[in-house]
Amino acid sequence: MGNKIYPIGIQNFESLRLDGYFYIDKTAYVYRMTHSASSYMFLSRPRRFGKSLLTSTLHSYFSGRKELFHGLAMEKLEKEWTEYPVLHFDMSTAKHADSEQLLQELNLKLYGYEQI
């Protein structure tokens, strides 16, 4: 395993994997979650409990970033590695927004994706 650095404050899966941070592999859970028969998922976790890292991992997975999963459970489980368009909204920028500000924020984010 070597001398890996603990990812204090790092919530980006790509950064964790590319920059050699210590990572506890939970990708088998991500695979099971994304291949379940359920039509919806409700994820409830307390503050500071990995929600941002989970969504970043899902983003990498659905974007088909197979290279980021090298050596992890997902590498052995996933056979197809289909790339999907991913819209990832960081709503921390609208924490204290009223309904009008929230709509402006969402429109701005959607406009950015439209440009892509």
Foldseek 3Di string as FASTA:
>chain_A
DPDAAAPVPDQALQCCQVVRHDDDFPVVVVVCVVPDPDPDDDDDDDPPPRPSNSVNVVQCQQQLVLVSQPPGPVNVVDDPSHHDDDQDDDCPVCPPPDPVVVVVSVVVSVVVVVVD
